[in-house]
Amino acid sequence: MNDLLTDSFVGEASNGQPSRQSDIEMGQVPRSNSDMGMEALNKQVQEADKEIDKLSVLLQKLKEANEDSKAVTKASAMKAIKNRMEKDIDEVGKIAQGVKTKIEAINQDNLSNRQKPGCEKGTGIDRARMNMTNALTKKFKDLMTEFQTLRQRIQDEYREVVERRVITVTGTRPDDETIDRLIETGNSEQIFQRAILEAGRGQVVNTVEEIQERHDAVKEIEKKLLDLHQIYLDMAVLVDAQGEILDNIESQVTNATDHVRLGNEALQTTKSLQKKSRKCMMISIILLLVIAIIIVLAVLKPWKK
């Protein structure tokens, strides 16, 4: 992937691109007969963008389900939320893998498009394609980051909920070792033995079952969200590499622009000096003519005749 990315995004800035290419970089893509590959790219980006929007909707549903789970105290309700979240996460995995594949295909098309006249490395068309691809990749990567943030939040909140359940049943705050063991195994019956003896098994069993169900849910959801982590890592590498290469090309373009500007300034200075030189030459010629006339008149003295 890195070799493909590097070849796809490294380009040399060209000296003096047409204004049409500048318009493309600003998002104003004029159409031509072949459209120089931009029409197909726009379609690919729009398709991927729609899939990313679906992921955003699923992320919001998962966040809401996680909030609902914090108020649940029955195992059956927790199981229903677990099933709902697992179904949504499975859908997220399918869509995310599809988006990743689309982005990789766009990178490959960027390579192929450079074979067209006027679309070579560093041209306005090429930079426009790179900018659009980078923006899409970054949007996807940022969304994958949010899924990883949700995974960490679920873990943190799971610990808080379990601690509250233990306090509610036993009346005492458990130590960290006890909480860690509960989180690891989900087996809370041993911890609640005293409460079972004092209050009866029937009153405690719902909490025991709910903690076990919550444990199973968190572990399964964490595993599924962790599967997205590799996609996140791939996109992070892609964005970083694209950003560095884009910065390099933009730097080259800026340098080329500066060279053109300095060249124009030097040309204007030269023209100004040429004008001044011609003016001085004309004045010198006129002065020489005046002096010559004075000398001729002084020699001939025509007024004495």
Protein backbone atom coordinates (compact mmCIF):
# COMPACT_ATOMS: atom_id res chain seq x y z
CA MET A 1 0.00 0.00 0.00
CA ASN A 2 2.78 2.40 0.86
CA ASP A 3 4.48 1.88 -2.54
CA LEU A 4 1.21 2.48 -4.32
CA LEU A 5 0.54 5.56 -2.24
CA THR A 6 3.99 7.01 -2.80
CA ASP A 7 3.86 6.58 -6.56
CA SER A 8 0.33 7.88 -6.67
CA PHE A 9 0.97 11.06 -4.77
CA VAL A 10 4.53 12.19 -5.52
CA GLY A 11 4.60 14.81 -8.28
CA GLU A 12 6.77 17.63 -9.52
CA ALA A 13 5.38 21.14 -9.64
CA SER A 14 5.18 22.58 -13.13
CA ASN A 15 6.15 26.16 -13.95
CA GLY A 16 3.06 28.07 -14.95
CA GLN A 17 -0.07 25.96 -15.09
CA PRO A 18 -3.06 27.26 -17.03
CA SER A 19 -5.75 29.07 -15.12
CA ARG A 20 -8.04 26.09 -15.82
CA GLN A 21 -5.91 23.98 -13.50
CA SER A 22 -6.05 26.63 -10.78
CA ASP A 23 -9.85 26.54 -11.04
CA ILE A 24 -9.78 22.78 -10.59
CA GLU A 25 -7.72 23.07 -7.40
CA MET A 26 -10.26 25.55 -6.02
CA GLY A 27 -13.03 23.01 -6.59
CA GLN A 28 -14.31 24.57 -9.81
CA VAL A 29 -13.94 21.67 -12.20
CA PRO A 30 -14.64 22.70 -15.79
CA ARG A 31 -15.79 19.90 -18.04
CA SER A 32 -14.26 18.83 -21.32
CA ASN A 33 -14.98 16.00 -23.71
CA SER A 34 -12.96 13.51 -21.70
CA ASP A 35 -13.27 15.49 -18.42
CA MET A 36 -9.65 14.43 -17.79
CA GLY A 37 -10.84 11.74 -15.36
CA MET A 38 -12.52 14.13 -12.91
CA GLU A 39 -16.09 13.04 -13.63
CA ALA A 40 -15.31 9.42 -12.75
CA LEU A 41 -13.41 10.54 -9.64
CA ASN A 42 -16.32 12.70 -8.47
CA LYS A 43 -18.64 9.70 -8.79
CA GLN A 44 -16.26 7.47 -6.82
CA VAL A 45 -15.85 10.05 -4.07
CA GLN A 46 -19.61 10.63 -3.80
CA GLU A 47 -20.26 6.89 -3.49
CA ALA A 48 -17.65 6.53 -0.74
CA ASP A 49 -18.98 9.65 0.98
CA LYS A 50 -22.48 8.17 1.15
CA GLU A 51 -21.09 5.05 2.80
CA ILE A 52 -19.20 7.18 5.32
CA ASP A 53 -22.47 8.98 6.13
CA LYS A 54 -24.05 5.58 6.86
CA LEU A 55 -21.20 4.87 9.27
CA SER A 56 -21.87 8.18 11.02
CA VAL A 57 -25.52 7.16 11.54
CA LEU A 58 -24.48 3.78 12.93
CA LEU A 59 -21.96 5.44 15.25
CA GLN A 60 -24.71 7.63 16.69
CA LYS A 61 -26.94 4.58 17.20
CA LEU A 62 -24.14 2.81 19.06
CA LYS A 63 -23.56 5.83 21.28
CA GLU A 64 -27.28 5.97 22.13
CA ALA A 65 -27.39 2.24 22.85
CA ASN A 66 -24.38 2.59 25.14
CA GLU A 67 -26.13 5.38 27.04
CA ASP A 68 -29.26 3.21 27.35
CA SER A 69 -27.19 0.33 28.74
CA LYS A 70 -25.99 2.37 31.70
CA ALA A 71 -29.51 2.58 33.14
CA VAL A 72 -30.32 -1.12 32.59
CA THR A 73 -30.57 -3.32 35.69
CA LYS A 74 -32.03 -6.52 34.21
CA ALA A 75 -30.14 -9.18 32.27
CA SER A 76 -32.88 -9.50 29.64
CA ALA A 77 -32.77 -5.78 28.85
CA MET A 78 -28.99 -5.85 28.72
CA LYS A 79 -29.10 -8.80 26.33
CA ALA A 80 -31.47 -6.94 24.00
CA ILE A 81 -29.13 -3.95 23.89
CA LYS A 82 -26.17 -6.25 23.32
CA ASN A 83 -27.86 -7.91 20.33
CA ARG A 84 -28.78 -4.52 18.89
CA MET A 85 -25.24 -3.18 19.23
CA GLU A 86 -23.65 -6.32 17.80
CA LYS A 87 -25.89 -6.13 14.73
CA ASP A 88 -24.94 -2.47 14.17
CA ILE A 89 -21.22 -3.17 14.67
CA ASP A 90 -21.35 -6.02 12.15
CA GLU A 91 -22.85 -3.60 9.65
CA VAL A 92 -20.14 -1.06 10.48
CA GLY A 93 -17.45 -3.63 9.73
CA LYS A 94 -18.90 -4.44 6.30
CA ILE A 95 -19.32 -0.80 5.29
CA ALA A 96 -15.91 0.25 6.63
CA GLN A 97 -14.16 -2.51 4.69
CA GLY A 98 -16.04 -1.42 1.56
CA VAL A 99 -14.99 2.22 1.99
CA LYS A 100 -11.37 1.18 2.48
CA THR A 101 -11.53 -0.81 -0.76
CA LYS A 102 -13.01 2.18 -2.61
CA ILE A 103 -10.25 4.49 -1.39
CA GLU A 104 -7.58 2.03 -2.47
CA ALA A 105 -9.25 1.83 -5.91
CA ILE A 106 -9.22 5.64 -6.17
CA ASN A 107 -5.49 5.67 -5.42
CA GLN A 108 -4.95 3.15 -8.21
CA ASP A 109 -7.04 5.25 -10.60
CA ASN A 110 -4.93 8.29 -9.71
CA LEU A 111 -1.93 6.39 -11.02
CA SER A 112 -3.66 5.39 -14.23
CA ASN A 113 -5.02 8.89 -14.83
CA ARG A 114 -1.49 10.30 -14.95
CA GLN A 115 -0.99 8.58 -18.28
CA LYS A 116 -3.42 11.02 -19.91
CA PRO A 117 -2.02 14.18 -21.58
CA GLY A 118 -2.39 17.17 -19.26
CA CYS A 119 -2.82 14.95 -16.19
CA GLU A 120 0.82 14.20 -15.46
CA LYS A 121 2.40 14.33 -12.02
CA GLY A 122 2.21 17.75 -10.43
CA THR A 123 -0.33 19.18 -12.89
CA GLY A 124 -3.43 20.96 -11.65
CA ILE A 125 -5.61 17.94 -12.45
CA ASP A 126 -3.27 15.65 -10.54
CA ARG A 127 -3.17 17.92 -7.50
CA ALA A 128 -6.97 18.24 -7.57
CA ARG A 129 -7.34 14.46 -7.52
CA MET A 130 -4.85 14.23 -4.67
CA ASN A 131 -6.65 16.87 -2.61
CA MET A 132 -10.03 15.18 -3.09
CA THR A 133 -8.62 11.76 -2.22
CA ASN A 134 -6.84 13.08 0.84
CA ALA A 135 -9.98 14.85 2.10
CA LEU A 136 -12.02 11.66 1.69
CA THR A 137 -9.38 9.52 3.40
CA LYS A 138 -9.07 11.94 6.32
CA LYS A 139 -12.84 12.04 6.81
CA PHE A 140 -12.94 8.24 6.94
CA LYS A 141 -9.94 8.05 9.28
CA ASP A 142 -11.48 10.62 11.67
CA LEU A 143 -14.67 8.56 11.81
CA MET A 144 -12.70 5.39 12.56
CA THR A 145 -11.05 7.34 15.38
CA GLU A 146 -14.49 8.01 16.86
CA PHE A 147 -15.27 4.28 16.87
CA GLN A 148 -12.05 3.63 18.78
CA THR A 149 -12.97 6.42 21.22
CA LEU A 150 -16.37 4.75 21.73
CA ARG A 151 -14.65 1.43 22.43
CA GLN A 152 -12.53 3.05 25.17
CA ARG A 153 -15.57 4.85 26.60
CA ILE A 154 -17.53 1.58 26.83
CA GLN A 155 -14.64 0.00 28.75
CA ASP A 156 -14.37 2.94 31.16
CA GLU A 157 -18.10 3.17 31.77
CA TYR A 158 -18.39 -0.59 32.22
CA ARG A 159 -16.02 -0.35 35.15
CA GLU A 160 -18.06 2.47 36.70
CA VAL A 161 -21.35 0.58 36.31
CA VAL A 162 -19.96 -2.61 37.83
CA GLU A 163 -18.59 -0.67 40.78
CA ARG A 164 -22.00 0.93 41.38
CA ARG A 165 -23.73 -2.47 41.24
CA VAL A 166 -21.37 -3.90 43.86
CA ILE A 167 -21.90 -0.91 46.14
CA THR A 168 -25.69 -1.18 45.75
CA VAL A 169 -25.76 -4.88 46.64
CA THR A 170 -23.05 -5.07 49.31
CA GLY A 171 -23.21 -1.56 50.73
CA THR A 172 -19.42 -1.24 50.55
CA ARG A 173 -17.03 0.13 47.93
CA PRO A 174 -14.97 -2.68 46.34
CA ASP A 175 -11.24 -2.37 45.90
CA ASP A 176 -9.61 -2.17 42.46
CA GLU A 177 -8.58 -5.82 42.54
CA THR A 178 -12.17 -6.92 43.05
CA ILE A 179 -13.40 -4.71 40.20
CA ASP A 180 -10.63 -5.97 37.91
CA ARG A 181 -11.58 -9.58 38.66
CA LEU A 182 -15.25 -8.86 37.99
CA ILE A 183 -14.43 -7.15 34.69
CA GLU A 184 -12.17 -10.02 33.65
CA THR A 185 -14.49 -12.92 34.53
CA GLY A 186 -17.97 -11.45 34.91
CA ASN A 187 -18.49 -13.85 37.82
CA SER A 188 -19.96 -11.81 40.66
CA GLU A 189 -21.71 -14.53 42.69
CA GLN A 190 -18.68 -15.15 44.88
CA ILE A 191 -18.38 -11.44 45.67
CA PHE A 192 -22.08 -11.30 46.56
CA GLN A 193 -22.09 -14.40 48.82
CA ARG A 194 -22.55 -12.39 51.98
CA ALA A 195 -25.39 -10.39 50.42
CA ILE A 196 -27.03 -13.63 49.27
CA LEU A 197 -26.87 -15.01 52.82
CA GLU A 198 -28.29 -11.84 54.34
CA ALA A 199 -30.92 -10.86 51.76
CA GLY A 200 -31.59 -14.14 50.04
CA ARG A 201 -30.52 -15.38 46.63
CA GLY A 202 -33.68 -14.19 44.89
CA GLN A 203 -33.02 -10.52 45.58
CA VAL A 204 -29.40 -10.67 44.38
CA VAL A 205 -29.69 -13.01 41.43
CA ASN A 206 -30.92 -10.31 39.04
CA THR A 207 -27.82 -8.23 39.69
CA VAL A 208 -25.56 -11.27 39.27
CA GLU A 209 -27.18 -12.14 35.93
CA GLU A 210 -27.12 -8.53 34.75
CA ILE A 211 -23.42 -8.16 35.52
CA GLN A 212 -22.67 -11.41 33.69
CA GLU A 213 -24.70 -10.33 30.67
CA ARG A 214 -23.06 -6.91 30.71
CA HIS A 215 -19.64 -8.57 30.87
CA ASP A 216 -20.43 -10.76 27.85
CA ALA A 217 -21.78 -7.77 25.94
CA VAL A 218 -18.80 -5.53 26.62
CA LYS A 219 -16.29 -8.24 25.72
CA GLU A 220 -18.04 -9.07 22.45
CA ILE A 221 -18.54 -5.44 21.46
CA GLU A 222 -14.94 -4.63 22.34
CA LYS A 223 -13.74 -7.51 20.14
CA LYS A 224 -15.83 -6.37 17.18
CA LEU A 225 -14.77 -2.73 17.53
CA LEU A 226 -11.17 -3.85 17.83
CA ASP A 227 -11.50 -5.45 14.39
CA LEU A 228 -12.01 -1.91 13.05
CA HIS A 229 -8.70 -0.85 14.57
CA GLN A 230 -6.66 -2.24 11.67
CA ILE A 231 -8.72 -0.21 9.21
CA TYR A 232 -8.11 2.83 11.41
CA LEU A 233 -4.35 2.17 11.38
CA ASP A 234 -4.31 1.76 7.59
CA MET A 235 -6.17 5.03 7.12
CA ALA A 236 -3.91 6.83 9.60
CA VAL A 237 -0.83 5.74 7.65
CA LEU A 238 -2.52 6.77 4.40
CA VAL A 239 -3.47 10.23 5.67
CA ASP A 240 -0.02 10.91 7.10
CA ALA A 241 1.72 9.87 3.89
CA GLN A 242 -0.68 11.85 1.71
CA GLY A 243 -0.28 14.90 3.91
CA GLU A 244 3.51 14.82 3.71
CA ILE A 245 3.49 14.36 -0.07
CA LEU A 246 0.89 17.08 -0.58
CA ASP A 247 2.94 19.44 1.57
CA ASN A 248 5.99 18.62 -0.52
CA ILE A 249 4.21 19.26 -3.80
CA GLU A 250 2.57 22.43 -2.53
CA SER A 251 6.03 23.58 -1.44
CA GLN A 252 7.34 22.90 -4.93
CA VAL A 253 4.43 24.78 -6.45
CA THR A 254 5.00 27.69 -4.07
CA ASN A 255 8.69 27.76 -4.95
CA ALA A 256 7.87 27.68 -8.65
CA THR A 257 5.40 30.54 -8.15
CA ASP A 258 8.03 32.53 -6.26
CA HIS A 259 10.54 31.95 -9.05
CA VAL A 260 8.01 33.16 -11.62
CA ARG A 261 7.22 36.23 -9.49
CA LEU A 262 10.90 37.05 -9.03
CA GLY A 263 11.44 36.55 -12.75
CA ASN A 264 8.61 38.94 -13.54
CA GLU A 265 10.00 41.49 -11.12
CA ALA A 266 13.45 41.19 -12.70
CA LEU A 267 11.91 41.58 -16.14
CA GLN A 268 10.06 44.71 -15.07
CA THR A 269 13.25 46.10 -13.56
CA THR A 270 15.12 45.38 -16.79
CA LYS A 271 12.43 47.07 -18.84
CA SER A 272 12.54 50.09 -16.56
CA LEU A 273 16.32 50.29 -16.87
CA GLN A 274 16.07 49.97 -20.62
CA LYS A 275 13.60 52.87 -20.74
CA LYS A 276 15.90 54.99 -18.58
CA SER A 277 18.88 54.01 -20.73
CA ARG A 278 17.08 54.99 -23.93
CA LYS A 279 16.03 58.28 -22.37
CA CYS A 280 19.60 59.07 -21.30
CA MET A 281 20.86 58.15 -24.77
CA MET A 282 18.38 60.49 -26.44
CA ILE A 283 19.36 63.33 -24.12
CA SER A 284 23.03 62.67 -24.83
CA ILE A 285 22.42 62.72 -28.60
CA ILE A 286 20.49 65.98 -28.35
CA LEU A 287 23.26 67.53 -26.26
CA LEU A 288 25.88 66.39 -28.78
CA LEU A 289 23.86 67.86 -31.62
CA VAL A 290 23.52 71.18 -29.79
CA ILE A 291 27.25 71.27 -29.07
CA ALA A 292 28.04 70.41 -32.71
CA ILE A 293 25.78 73.20 -33.96
CA ILE A 294 27.41 75.69 -31.60
CA ILE A 295 30.89 74.67 -32.79
CA VAL A 296 29.90 74.94 -36.46
CA LEU A 297 28.38 78.38 -35.90
CA ALA A 298 31.45 79.51 -33.97
CA VAL A 299 33.74 78.47 -36.84
CA LEU A 300 31.70 79.76 -39.78
CA LYS A 301 30.44 82.91 -38.08
CA PRO A 302 27.72 83.43 -40.65
CA TRP A 303 26.51 86.61 -38.97
CA LYS A 304 29.73 88.50 -40.02
CA LYS A 305 29.04 88.13 -43.74
